[in-house]
Amino acid sequence: MLESQIPYGAEIVVPEIPEKEGYTFSGWGVVPTTMPASDLEFSGTYDVISYNVIFKIGDNVVYSAQLPYGSEIVAPEVPDHEGYTFSGWGEFPASVPSHDVEVQGSYTINSYHLTVYLNNDIYLEEDIEYGAPIIIPDPEVEAGTLLFIERMFRFGKSLRYRTPHSICSLRRICPNKSRFA
């Protein structure tokens, strides 16, 4: 608060406006150019500035909003992405600073364990990234050999496909050949 004694008829000089981070000065109201024959009181006000807050994964915007300076920034819910696990958001402030904020997040591709059995013996075991082709080398087998595949997924879930004529319907054993067709 600033008080001063100004004589009647003297020019009224508006004081300098102190800067306030995250705010703009909205004015003193109506100020006469000269001092009248009565006391005056002026109140200045500040308006809070809003800034863009954007959360992205790659080029995809997950959340975008204009938030007032000083308000809390809360990370948004992350959409599921099949075959991937959300890795997290980059660092961001707890509250809106006096500038725009862009936060990047990322996913990590999942890997799954693949076990292939031949005559109830493990023929092949490997970890495979989601979406990668499953390549099973052709074994030398006789027609009618029992083959099955076991796919071990995260969290201990297991799926088995067992058939005397196929591996997950990916390839057939031809009855008159010793290799896959």
N, C-alpha and C. Protein backbone atom coordinates (compact mmCIF):
# COMPACT_ATOMS: atom_id res chain seq x y z
N MET A 1 0.85 -1.17 0.00
CA MET A 1 0.00 0.00 0.00
C MET A 1 0.89 1.23 0.00
N LEU A 2 0.54 2.17 -0.86
CA LEU A 2 1.31 3.39 -1.00
C LEU A 2 0.41 4.58 -0.66
N GLU A 3 0.87 5.42 0.27
CA GLU A 3 0.12 6.63 0.64
C GLU A 3 0.99 7.83 0.35
N SER A 4 0.34 8.90 -0.13
CA SER A 4 1.10 10.14 -0.32
C SER A 4 0.16 11.34 -0.19
N GLN A 5 0.73 12.48 0.17
CA GLN A 5 -0.01 13.74 0.29
C GLN A 5 0.21 14.53 -0.99
N ILE A 6 -0.86 14.75 -1.72
CA ILE A 6 -0.77 15.49 -2.98
C ILE A 6 -1.63 16.75 -2.83
N PRO A 7 -1.07 17.92 -3.09
CA PRO A 7 -1.86 19.15 -2.95
C PRO A 7 -2.96 19.24 -4.01
N TYR A 8 -4.01 19.97 -3.66
CA TYR A 8 -5.15 20.18 -4.55
C TYR A 8 -4.66 20.74 -5.88
N GLY A 9 -5.16 20.13 -6.99
CA GLY A 9 -4.83 20.60 -8.33
C GLY A 9 -3.53 20.07 -8.90
N ALA A 10 -2.71 19.41 -8.07
CA ALA A 10 -1.43 18.89 -8.56
C ALA A 10 -1.67 17.65 -9.43
N GLU A 11 -0.70 17.41 -10.33
CA GLU A 11 -0.81 16.24 -11.22
C GLU A 11 -0.67 14.96 -10.39
N ILE A 12 -1.53 14.01 -10.70
CA ILE A 12 -1.45 12.68 -10.04
C ILE A 12 -0.59 11.78 -10.92
N VAL A 13 0.51 11.31 -10.34
CA VAL A 13 1.41 10.40 -11.06
C VAL A 13 1.15 8.99 -10.54
N VAL A 14 0.77 8.12 -11.48
CA VAL A 14 0.47 6.73 -11.12
C VAL A 14 1.80 6.02 -10.82
N PRO A 15 1.86 5.33 -9.70
CA PRO A 15 3.13 4.66 -9.35
C PRO A 15 3.45 3.52 -10.32
N GLU A 16 4.75 3.18 -10.36
CA GLU A 16 5.17 2.04 -11.18
C GLU A 16 4.49 0.79 -10.67
N ILE A 17 4.20 -0.07 -11.61
CA ILE A 17 3.50 -1.32 -11.26
C ILE A 17 4.55 -2.39 -11.00
N PRO A 18 4.53 -2.95 -9.80
CA PRO A 18 5.50 -4.02 -9.52
C PRO A 18 5.11 -5.29 -10.30
N GLU A 19 6.13 -5.94 -10.86
CA GLU A 19 5.88 -7.19 -11.58
C GLU A 19 5.57 -8.29 -10.58
N LYS A 20 4.71 -9.18 -11.00
CA LYS A 20 4.34 -10.32 -10.18
C LYS A 20 4.32 -11.54 -11.10
N GLU A 21 5.23 -12.48 -10.83
CA GLU A 21 5.37 -13.65 -11.70
C GLU A 21 4.05 -14.40 -11.83
N GLY A 22 3.70 -14.72 -13.09
CA GLY A 22 2.49 -15.48 -13.36
C GLY A 22 1.22 -14.65 -13.41
N TYR A 23 1.37 -13.32 -13.31
CA TYR A 23 0.20 -12.44 -13.28
C TYR A 23 0.43 -11.25 -14.20
N THR A 24 -0.66 -10.64 -14.67
CA THR A 24 -0.60 -9.38 -15.39
C THR A 24 -1.38 -8.35 -14.58
N PHE A 25 -0.89 -7.14 -14.61
CA PHE A 25 -1.57 -6.07 -13.89
C PHE A 25 -2.77 -5.64 -14.71
N SER A 26 -3.94 -5.58 -14.07
CA SER A 26 -5.16 -5.24 -14.82
C SER A 26 -5.57 -3.78 -14.66
N GLY A 27 -4.87 -3.02 -13.83
CA GLY A 27 -5.12 -1.59 -13.77
C GLY A 27 -5.51 -1.06 -12.41
N TRP A 28 -5.50 0.29 -12.33
CA TRP A 28 -5.85 1.01 -11.10
C TRP A 28 -7.31 1.46 -11.10
N GLY A 29 -7.97 1.27 -12.17
CA GLY A 29 -9.31 1.86 -12.29
C GLY A 29 -9.18 3.25 -12.89
N VAL A 30 -10.19 4.11 -12.69
CA VAL A 30 -10.17 5.47 -13.25
C VAL A 30 -9.38 6.37 -12.30
N VAL A 31 -8.31 6.98 -12.83
CA VAL A 31 -7.45 7.87 -12.05
C VAL A 31 -7.53 9.26 -12.70
N PRO A 32 -7.97 10.28 -11.94
CA PRO A 32 -8.01 11.64 -12.53
C PRO A 32 -6.59 12.15 -12.78
N THR A 33 -6.48 13.11 -13.68
CA THR A 33 -5.14 13.64 -13.99
C THR A 33 -4.62 14.62 -12.93
N THR A 34 -5.54 15.29 -12.20
CA THR A 34 -5.13 16.21 -11.14
C THR A 34 -5.88 15.87 -9.86
N MET A 35 -5.31 16.30 -8.74
CA MET A 35 -5.86 16.00 -7.42
C MET A 35 -7.10 16.84 -7.16
N PRO A 36 -8.24 16.17 -6.85
CA PRO A 36 -9.45 16.93 -6.51
C PRO A 36 -9.40 17.40 -5.05
N ALA A 37 -10.47 18.03 -4.60
CA ALA A 37 -10.54 18.56 -3.24
C ALA A 37 -11.07 17.51 -2.28
N SER A 38 -10.70 16.28 -2.47
CA SER A 38 -11.12 15.21 -1.56
C SER A 38 -10.08 14.09 -1.59
N ASP A 39 -10.12 13.25 -0.59
CA ASP A 39 -9.21 12.11 -0.54
C ASP A 39 -9.58 11.11 -1.65
N LEU A 40 -8.57 10.42 -2.15
CA LEU A 40 -8.77 9.39 -3.18
C LEU A 40 -8.12 8.09 -2.71
N GLU A 41 -8.68 7.00 -3.15
CA GLU A 41 -8.09 5.68 -2.88
C GLU A 41 -8.24 4.84 -4.14
N PHE A 42 -7.15 4.24 -4.55
CA PHE A 42 -7.16 3.39 -5.74
C PHE A 42 -6.64 2.01 -5.36
N SER A 43 -7.26 1.02 -5.92
CA SER A 43 -6.80 -0.36 -5.71
C SER A 43 -6.48 -0.97 -7.06
N GLY A 44 -5.28 -1.48 -7.16
CA GLY A 44 -4.88 -2.16 -8.39
C GLY A 44 -5.13 -3.66 -8.23
N THR A 45 -5.30 -4.32 -9.35
CA THR A 45 -5.53 -5.77 -9.30
C THR A 45 -4.66 -6.48 -10.33
N TYR A 46 -4.40 -7.73 -10.04
CA TYR A 46 -3.66 -8.59 -10.94
C TYR A 46 -4.57 -9.72 -11.41
N ASP A 47 -4.39 -10.14 -12.66
CA ASP A 47 -5.08 -11.31 -13.19
C ASP A 47 -4.07 -12.42 -13.40
N VAL A 48 -4.45 -13.61 -13.00
CA VAL A 48 -3.55 -14.76 -13.16
C VAL A 48 -3.47 -15.13 -14.64
N ILE A 49 -2.29 -15.52 -15.08
CA ILE A 49 -2.06 -15.94 -16.46
C ILE A 49 -2.20 -17.45 -16.53
N SER A 50 -2.83 -17.94 -17.59
CA SER A 50 -2.92 -19.39 -17.82
C SER A 50 -1.87 -19.79 -18.84
N TYR A 51 -1.32 -20.99 -18.64
CA TYR A 51 -0.27 -21.52 -19.52
C TYR A 51 -0.69 -22.89 -20.04
N ASN A 52 -0.17 -23.26 -21.20
CA ASN A 52 -0.46 -24.56 -21.79
C ASN A 52 0.29 -25.65 -21.05
N VAL A 53 -0.42 -26.71 -20.70
CA VAL A 53 0.18 -27.90 -20.12
C VAL A 53 -0.20 -29.06 -21.03
N ILE A 54 0.82 -29.71 -21.60
CA ILE A 54 0.59 -30.77 -22.59
C ILE A 54 1.36 -32.02 -22.18
N PHE A 55 0.67 -33.16 -22.18
CA PHE A 55 1.29 -34.47 -21.95
C PHE A 55 1.21 -35.23 -23.27
N LYS A 56 2.37 -35.71 -23.75
CA LYS A 56 2.43 -36.40 -25.05
C LYS A 56 3.19 -37.71 -24.91
N ILE A 57 2.81 -38.65 -25.78
CA ILE A 57 3.60 -39.87 -25.97
C ILE A 57 3.93 -39.89 -27.46
N GLY A 58 5.22 -39.68 -27.76
CA GLY A 58 5.61 -39.49 -29.16
C GLY A 58 4.97 -38.22 -29.67
N ASP A 59 4.25 -38.32 -30.79
CA ASP A 59 3.54 -37.16 -31.34
C ASP A 59 2.08 -37.10 -30.91
N ASN A 60 1.63 -38.10 -30.16
CA ASN A 60 0.22 -38.16 -29.75
C ASN A 60 -0.01 -37.40 -28.45
N VAL A 61 -0.93 -36.45 -28.50
CA VAL A 61 -1.27 -35.66 -27.32
C VAL A 61 -2.26 -36.47 -26.48
N VAL A 62 -1.88 -36.77 -25.23
CA VAL A 62 -2.72 -37.52 -24.30
C VAL A 62 -3.60 -36.55 -23.51
N TYR A 63 -3.06 -35.37 -23.21
CA TYR A 63 -3.78 -34.37 -22.42
C TYR A 63 -3.25 -32.99 -22.77
N SER A 64 -4.16 -32.05 -22.92
CA SER A 64 -3.77 -30.67 -23.20
C SER A 64 -4.79 -29.75 -22.53
N ALA A 65 -4.29 -28.74 -21.81
CA ALA A 65 -5.19 -27.79 -21.15
C ALA A 65 -4.43 -26.50 -20.87
N GLN A 66 -5.19 -25.41 -20.72
CA GLN A 66 -4.62 -24.17 -20.24
C GLN A 66 -4.96 -24.09 -18.76
N LEU A 67 -3.92 -24.05 -17.94
CA LEU A 67 -4.10 -24.04 -16.49
C LEU A 67 -3.54 -22.74 -15.91
N PRO A 68 -4.18 -22.21 -14.88
CA PRO A 68 -3.69 -20.98 -14.26
C PRO A 68 -2.34 -21.19 -13.56
N TYR A 69 -1.54 -20.14 -13.60
CA TYR A 69 -0.25 -20.15 -12.91
C TYR A 69 -0.43 -20.60 -11.46
N GLY A 70 0.45 -21.49 -11.02
CA GLY A 70 0.44 -21.94 -9.63
C GLY A 70 -0.51 -23.10 -9.33
N SER A 71 -1.39 -23.47 -10.29
CA SER A 71 -2.30 -24.58 -10.01
C SER A 71 -1.54 -25.91 -10.11
N GLU A 72 -2.07 -26.92 -9.48
CA GLU A 72 -1.42 -28.23 -9.42
C GLU A 72 -1.45 -28.91 -10.79
N ILE A 73 -0.34 -29.54 -11.17
CA ILE A 73 -0.27 -30.33 -12.40
C ILE A 73 -0.39 -31.80 -12.01
N VAL A 74 -1.39 -32.45 -12.55
CA VAL A 74 -1.62 -33.87 -12.26
C VAL A 74 -1.47 -34.65 -13.56
N ALA A 75 -0.65 -35.69 -13.54
CA ALA A 75 -0.45 -36.51 -14.73
C ALA A 75 -1.75 -37.21 -15.11
N PRO A 76 -2.07 -37.26 -16.40
CA PRO A 76 -3.32 -37.89 -16.84
C PRO A 76 -3.22 -39.41 -16.83
N GLU A 77 -4.39 -40.06 -16.94
CA GLU A 77 -4.44 -41.51 -17.12
C GLU A 77 -3.80 -41.83 -18.47
N VAL A 78 -3.13 -42.96 -18.53
CA VAL A 78 -2.44 -43.35 -19.75
C VAL A 78 -3.27 -44.39 -20.49
N PRO A 79 -3.47 -44.20 -21.79
CA PRO A 79 -4.23 -45.20 -22.54
C PRO A 79 -3.45 -46.51 -22.66
N ASP A 80 -4.19 -47.64 -22.61
CA ASP A 80 -3.55 -48.94 -22.81
C ASP A 80 -3.03 -49.02 -24.23
N HIS A 81 -1.93 -49.73 -24.38
CA HIS A 81 -1.34 -49.93 -25.70
C HIS A 81 -0.90 -51.39 -25.76
N GLU A 82 -1.67 -52.20 -26.49
CA GLU A 82 -1.45 -53.65 -26.51
C GLU A 82 0.01 -53.98 -26.84
N GLY A 83 0.57 -54.87 -26.03
CA GLY A 83 1.94 -55.32 -26.25
C GLY A 83 3.00 -54.41 -25.67
N TYR A 84 2.58 -53.37 -24.97
CA TYR A 84 3.53 -52.40 -24.42
C TYR A 84 3.17 -52.08 -22.97
N THR A 85 4.16 -51.67 -22.21
CA THR A 85 3.98 -51.22 -20.84
C THR A 85 4.39 -49.76 -20.76
N PHE A 86 3.56 -48.96 -20.09
CA PHE A 86 3.89 -47.54 -19.95
C PHE A 86 5.12 -47.39 -19.07
N SER A 87 6.12 -46.65 -19.55
CA SER A 87 7.39 -46.47 -18.83
C SER A 87 7.36 -45.30 -17.86
N GLY A 88 6.48 -44.35 -18.10
CA GLY A 88 6.37 -43.20 -17.19
C GLY A 88 6.48 -41.89 -17.93
N TRP A 89 6.21 -40.82 -17.18
CA TRP A 89 6.31 -39.46 -17.71
C TRP A 89 7.68 -38.90 -17.38
N GLY A 90 8.16 -38.00 -18.21
CA GLY A 90 9.37 -37.26 -17.89
C GLY A 90 9.10 -36.35 -16.70
N GLU A 91 10.12 -35.67 -16.24
CA GLU A 91 9.95 -34.79 -15.08
C GLU A 91 9.08 -33.59 -15.44
N PHE A 92 8.27 -33.18 -14.47
CA PHE A 92 7.45 -31.98 -14.64
C PHE A 92 7.23 -31.35 -13.28
N PRO A 93 6.98 -30.04 -13.25
CA PRO A 93 6.81 -29.35 -11.96
C PRO A 93 5.49 -29.74 -11.30
N ALA A 94 5.42 -29.58 -9.99
CA ALA A 94 4.21 -29.90 -9.23
C ALA A 94 3.10 -28.89 -9.50
N SER A 95 3.49 -27.66 -9.84
CA SER A 95 2.48 -26.63 -10.14
C SER A 95 2.88 -25.89 -11.41
N VAL A 96 1.92 -25.22 -12.01
CA VAL A 96 2.14 -24.53 -13.28
C VAL A 96 3.11 -23.37 -13.07
N PRO A 97 4.25 -23.38 -13.79
CA PRO A 97 5.20 -22.27 -13.70
C PRO A 97 4.76 -21.14 -14.65
N SER A 98 5.59 -20.12 -14.77
CA SER A 98 5.24 -18.97 -15.62
C SER A 98 5.67 -19.20 -17.07
N HIS A 99 5.46 -20.39 -17.55
CA HIS A 99 5.71 -20.72 -18.96
C HIS A 99 4.95 -22.00 -19.30
N ASP A 100 4.81 -22.29 -20.60
CA ASP A 100 4.15 -23.51 -21.03
C ASP A 100 4.96 -24.73 -20.61
N VAL A 101 4.28 -25.85 -20.42
CA VAL A 101 4.93 -27.10 -20.00
C VAL A 101 4.53 -28.20 -20.98
N GLU A 102 5.52 -28.92 -21.49
CA GLU A 102 5.27 -30.10 -22.32
C GLU A 102 6.00 -31.28 -21.70
N VAL A 103 5.26 -32.35 -21.44
CA VAL A 103 5.82 -33.53 -20.78
C VAL A 103 5.72 -34.71 -21.73
N GLN A 104 6.83 -35.42 -21.90
CA GLN A 104 6.86 -36.61 -22.76
C GLN A 104 6.78 -37.87 -21.92
N GLY A 105 6.02 -38.83 -22.40
CA GLY A 105 5.94 -40.15 -21.80
C GLY A 105 6.38 -41.17 -22.82
N SER A 106 6.54 -42.41 -22.39
CA SER A 106 6.95 -43.45 -23.34
C SER A 106 6.44 -44.82 -22.91
N TYR A 107 6.41 -45.70 -23.88
CA TYR A 107 6.07 -47.09 -23.65
C TYR A 107 7.31 -47.94 -23.91
N THR A 108 7.36 -49.10 -23.26
CA THR A 108 8.40 -50.09 -23.50
C THR A 108 7.73 -51.33 -24.07
N ILE A 109 8.30 -51.87 -25.13
CA ILE A 109 7.72 -53.05 -25.74
C ILE A 109 7.86 -54.25 -24.80
N ASN A 110 6.82 -55.07 -24.72
CA ASN A 110 6.85 -56.27 -23.87
C ASN A 110 7.55 -57.41 -24.60
N SER A 111 8.15 -58.30 -23.83
CA SER A 111 8.72 -59.54 -24.35
C SER A 111 7.97 -60.69 -23.71
N TYR A 112 7.83 -61.76 -24.48
CA TYR A 112 7.14 -62.95 -24.00
C TYR A 112 8.03 -64.15 -24.21
N HIS A 113 7.88 -65.14 -23.33
CA HIS A 113 8.69 -66.34 -23.41
C HIS A 113 7.97 -67.37 -24.27
N LEU A 114 8.67 -67.94 -25.24
CA LEU A 114 8.13 -68.94 -26.15
C LEU A 114 8.85 -70.26 -25.90
N THR A 115 8.09 -71.33 -25.70
CA THR A 115 8.65 -72.67 -25.55
C THR A 115 7.98 -73.57 -26.58
N VAL A 116 8.79 -74.25 -27.39
CA VAL A 116 8.28 -75.19 -28.38
C VAL A 116 8.76 -76.58 -27.97
N TYR A 117 7.81 -77.53 -27.92
CA TYR A 117 8.12 -78.91 -27.54
C TYR A 117 8.08 -79.80 -28.78
N LEU A 118 8.97 -80.76 -28.84
CA LEU A 118 8.98 -81.78 -29.88
C LEU A 118 9.08 -83.12 -29.17
N ASN A 119 8.04 -83.97 -29.34
CA ASN A 119 7.97 -85.26 -28.64
C ASN A 119 8.11 -85.08 -27.13
N ASN A 120 7.42 -84.07 -26.60
CA ASN A 120 7.40 -83.75 -25.17
C ASN A 120 8.75 -83.29 -24.63
N ASP A 121 9.72 -83.02 -25.50
CA ASP A 121 11.01 -82.46 -25.09
C ASP A 121 11.06 -81.01 -25.59
N ILE A 122 11.73 -80.16 -24.84
CA ILE A 122 11.85 -78.77 -25.27
C ILE A 122 12.72 -78.73 -26.52
N TYR A 123 12.13 -78.20 -27.57
CA TYR A 123 12.83 -78.08 -28.85
C TYR A 123 13.43 -76.68 -29.01
N LEU A 124 12.69 -75.65 -28.52
CA LEU A 124 13.14 -74.27 -28.67
C LEU A 124 12.58 -73.43 -27.54
N GLU A 125 13.41 -72.58 -26.96
CA GLU A 125 12.97 -71.60 -25.96
C GLU A 125 13.63 -70.27 -26.31
N GLU A 126 12.81 -69.23 -26.31
CA GLU A 126 13.37 -67.90 -26.51
C GLU A 126 12.38 -66.83 -26.08
N ASP A 127 12.91 -65.65 -25.79
CA ASP A 127 12.08 -64.50 -25.49
C ASP A 127 11.88 -63.73 -26.78
N ILE A 128 10.61 -63.33 -27.03
CA ILE A 128 10.28 -62.65 -28.28
C ILE A 128 9.53 -61.37 -27.95
N GLU A 129 9.92 -60.28 -28.60
CA GLU A 129 9.23 -59.02 -28.41
C GLU A 129 7.86 -59.08 -29.07
N TYR A 130 6.91 -58.35 -28.47
CA TYR A 130 5.56 -58.28 -29.01
C TYR A 130 5.60 -57.84 -30.47
N GLY A 131 4.86 -58.53 -31.31
CA GLY A 131 4.75 -58.17 -32.71
C GLY A 131 5.83 -58.74 -33.60
N ALA A 132 6.89 -59.31 -33.01
CA ALA A 132 7.97 -59.89 -33.81
C ALA A 132 7.48 -61.22 -34.39
N PRO A 133 7.97 -61.59 -35.56
CA PRO A 133 7.54 -62.87 -36.12
C PRO A 133 8.07 -64.03 -35.27
N ILE A 134 7.25 -65.07 -35.17
CA ILE A 134 7.68 -66.29 -34.49
C ILE A 134 8.27 -67.20 -35.55
N ILE A 135 9.56 -67.46 -35.44
CA ILE A 135 10.25 -68.30 -36.43
C ILE A 135 10.68 -69.57 -35.72
N ILE A 136 10.12 -70.68 -36.17
CA ILE A 136 10.46 -71.98 -35.59
C ILE A 136 11.20 -72.77 -36.67
N PRO A 137 12.47 -73.09 -36.41
CA PRO A 137 13.23 -73.84 -37.41
C PRO A 137 12.57 -75.21 -37.64
N ASP A 138 12.62 -75.65 -38.88
CA ASP A 138 12.03 -76.94 -39.23
C ASP A 138 12.85 -78.08 -38.65
N PRO A 139 12.24 -78.92 -37.81
CA PRO A 139 12.96 -80.09 -37.32
C PRO A 139 12.80 -81.24 -38.31
N GLU A 140 13.68 -82.18 -38.23
CA GLU A 140 13.53 -83.42 -39.00
C GLU A 140 12.61 -84.30 -38.17
N VAL A 141 11.36 -84.50 -38.62
CA VAL A 141 10.40 -85.33 -37.88
C VAL A 141 9.67 -86.25 -38.83
N GLU A 142 9.14 -87.29 -38.27
CA GLU A 142 8.33 -88.21 -39.06
C GLU A 142 6.88 -87.78 -38.97
N ALA A 143 6.10 -88.13 -39.98
CA ALA A 143 4.68 -87.79 -40.00
C ALA A 143 4.01 -88.34 -38.75
N GLY A 144 3.08 -87.55 -38.22
CA GLY A 144 2.32 -87.99 -37.05
C GLY A 144 2.99 -87.68 -35.73
N THR A 145 4.19 -87.07 -35.75
CA THR A 145 4.87 -86.72 -34.51
C THR A 145 4.06 -85.66 -33.78
N LEU A 146 3.92 -85.82 -32.48
CA LEU A 146 3.12 -84.91 -31.67
C LEU A 146 3.96 -83.67 -31.34
N LEU A 147 3.47 -82.52 -31.74
CA LEU A 147 4.13 -81.25 -31.47
C LEU A 147 3.16 -80.35 -30.72
N PHE A 148 3.65 -79.57 -29.79
CA PHE A 148 2.81 -78.52 -29.22
C PHE A 148 3.68 -77.36 -28.80
N ILE A 149 3.04 -76.23 -28.69
CA ILE A 149 3.75 -75.00 -28.38
C ILE A 149 3.16 -74.41 -27.11
N GLU A 150 4.01 -73.86 -26.28
CA GLU A 150 3.55 -73.22 -25.06
C GLU A 150 4.06 -71.79 -25.08
N ARG A 151 3.16 -70.85 -24.92
CA ARG A 151 3.53 -69.45 -24.89
C ARG A 151 3.35 -68.97 -23.45
N MET A 152 4.44 -68.55 -22.84
CA MET A 152 4.39 -68.05 -21.47
C MET A 152 4.26 -66.53 -21.54
N PHE A 153 3.19 -66.04 -20.97
CA PHE A 153 2.95 -64.61 -20.96
C PHE A 153 3.30 -64.04 -19.60
N ARG A 154 3.37 -62.75 -19.54
CA ARG A 154 3.64 -62.08 -18.28
C ARG A 154 2.59 -62.45 -17.26
N PHE A 155 2.93 -62.33 -16.01
CA PHE A 155 2.05 -62.58 -14.87
C PHE A 155 1.71 -64.06 -14.75
N GLY A 156 2.55 -64.94 -15.30
CA GLY A 156 2.39 -66.37 -15.09
C GLY A 156 1.30 -67.03 -15.91
N LYS A 157 0.69 -66.34 -16.85
CA LYS A 157 -0.35 -66.97 -17.66
C LYS A 157 0.31 -67.81 -18.74
N SER A 158 -0.30 -68.92 -19.07
CA SER A 158 0.26 -69.82 -20.07
C SER A 158 -0.85 -70.30 -20.98
N LEU A 159 -0.57 -70.34 -22.27
CA LEU A 159 -1.52 -70.90 -23.23
C LEU A 159 -0.81 -72.04 -23.96
N ARG A 160 -1.49 -73.17 -24.13
CA ARG A 160 -0.90 -74.29 -24.86
C ARG A 160 -1.77 -74.64 -26.04
N TYR A 161 -1.11 -74.92 -27.13
CA TYR A 161 -1.79 -75.39 -28.31
C TYR A 161 -1.18 -76.77 -28.60
N ARG A 162 -1.99 -77.78 -28.71
CA ARG A 162 -1.46 -79.12 -28.89
C ARG A 162 -2.27 -79.83 -29.96
N THR A 163 -1.59 -80.31 -30.95
CA THR A 163 -2.26 -81.02 -32.03
C THR A 163 -1.25 -81.92 -32.72
N PRO A 164 -1.69 -83.06 -33.22
CA PRO A 164 -0.73 -83.94 -33.91
C PRO A 164 -0.37 -83.43 -35.30
N HIS A 165 -1.05 -82.41 -35.80
CA HIS A 165 -0.80 -81.98 -37.16
C HIS A 165 -0.44 -80.50 -37.30
N SER A 166 -0.23 -79.81 -36.21
CA SER A 166 0.09 -78.39 -36.40
C SER A 166 0.80 -77.82 -35.19
N ILE A 167 1.45 -76.72 -35.40
CA ILE A 167 1.98 -75.89 -34.33
C ILE A 167 1.20 -74.59 -34.41
N CYS A 168 0.27 -74.41 -33.51
CA CYS A 168 -0.55 -73.20 -33.46
C CYS A 168 -1.15 -72.86 -34.82
N SER A 169 -1.43 -73.83 -35.63
CA SER A 169 -1.99 -73.64 -36.96
C SER A 169 -1.08 -72.80 -37.86
N LEU A 170 0.19 -72.70 -37.48
CA LEU A 170 1.11 -71.94 -38.31
C LEU A 170 1.67 -72.80 -39.45
N ARG A 171 1.95 -74.06 -39.16
CA ARG A 171 2.51 -74.97 -40.16
C ARG A 171 1.89 -76.36 -39.99
N ARG A 172 1.84 -77.11 -41.05
CA ARG A 172 1.31 -78.47 -40.98
C ARG A 172 2.44 -79.47 -41.18
N ILE A 173 2.27 -80.61 -40.58
CA ILE A 173 3.16 -81.73 -40.89
C ILE A 173 2.48 -82.53 -41.99
N CYS A 174 3.16 -82.68 -43.09
CA CYS A 174 2.58 -83.47 -44.18
C CYS A 174 2.78 -84.94 -43.87
N PRO A 175 1.75 -85.75 -43.99
CA PRO A 175 1.84 -87.15 -43.61
C PRO A 175 2.91 -87.92 -44.37
N ASN A 176 3.23 -87.52 -45.57
CA ASN A 176 4.20 -88.28 -46.38
C ASN A 176 5.55 -87.60 -46.47
N LYS A 177 5.81 -86.59 -45.67
CA LYS A 177 7.10 -85.87 -45.74
C LYS A 177 7.74 -85.85 -44.35
N SER A 178 9.02 -85.66 -44.33
CA SER A 178 9.70 -85.64 -43.04
C SER A 178 9.92 -84.24 -42.52
N ARG A 179 9.51 -83.21 -43.24
CA ARG A 179 9.67 -81.82 -42.80
C ARG A 179 8.33 -81.10 -42.86
N PHE A 180 8.32 -79.89 -42.31
CA PHE A 180 7.10 -79.09 -42.36
C PHE A 180 6.84 -78.64 -43.79
N ALA A 181 5.57 -78.44 -44.10
CA ALA A 181 5.23 -77.91 -45.43
C ALA A 181 4.86 -76.45 -45.29
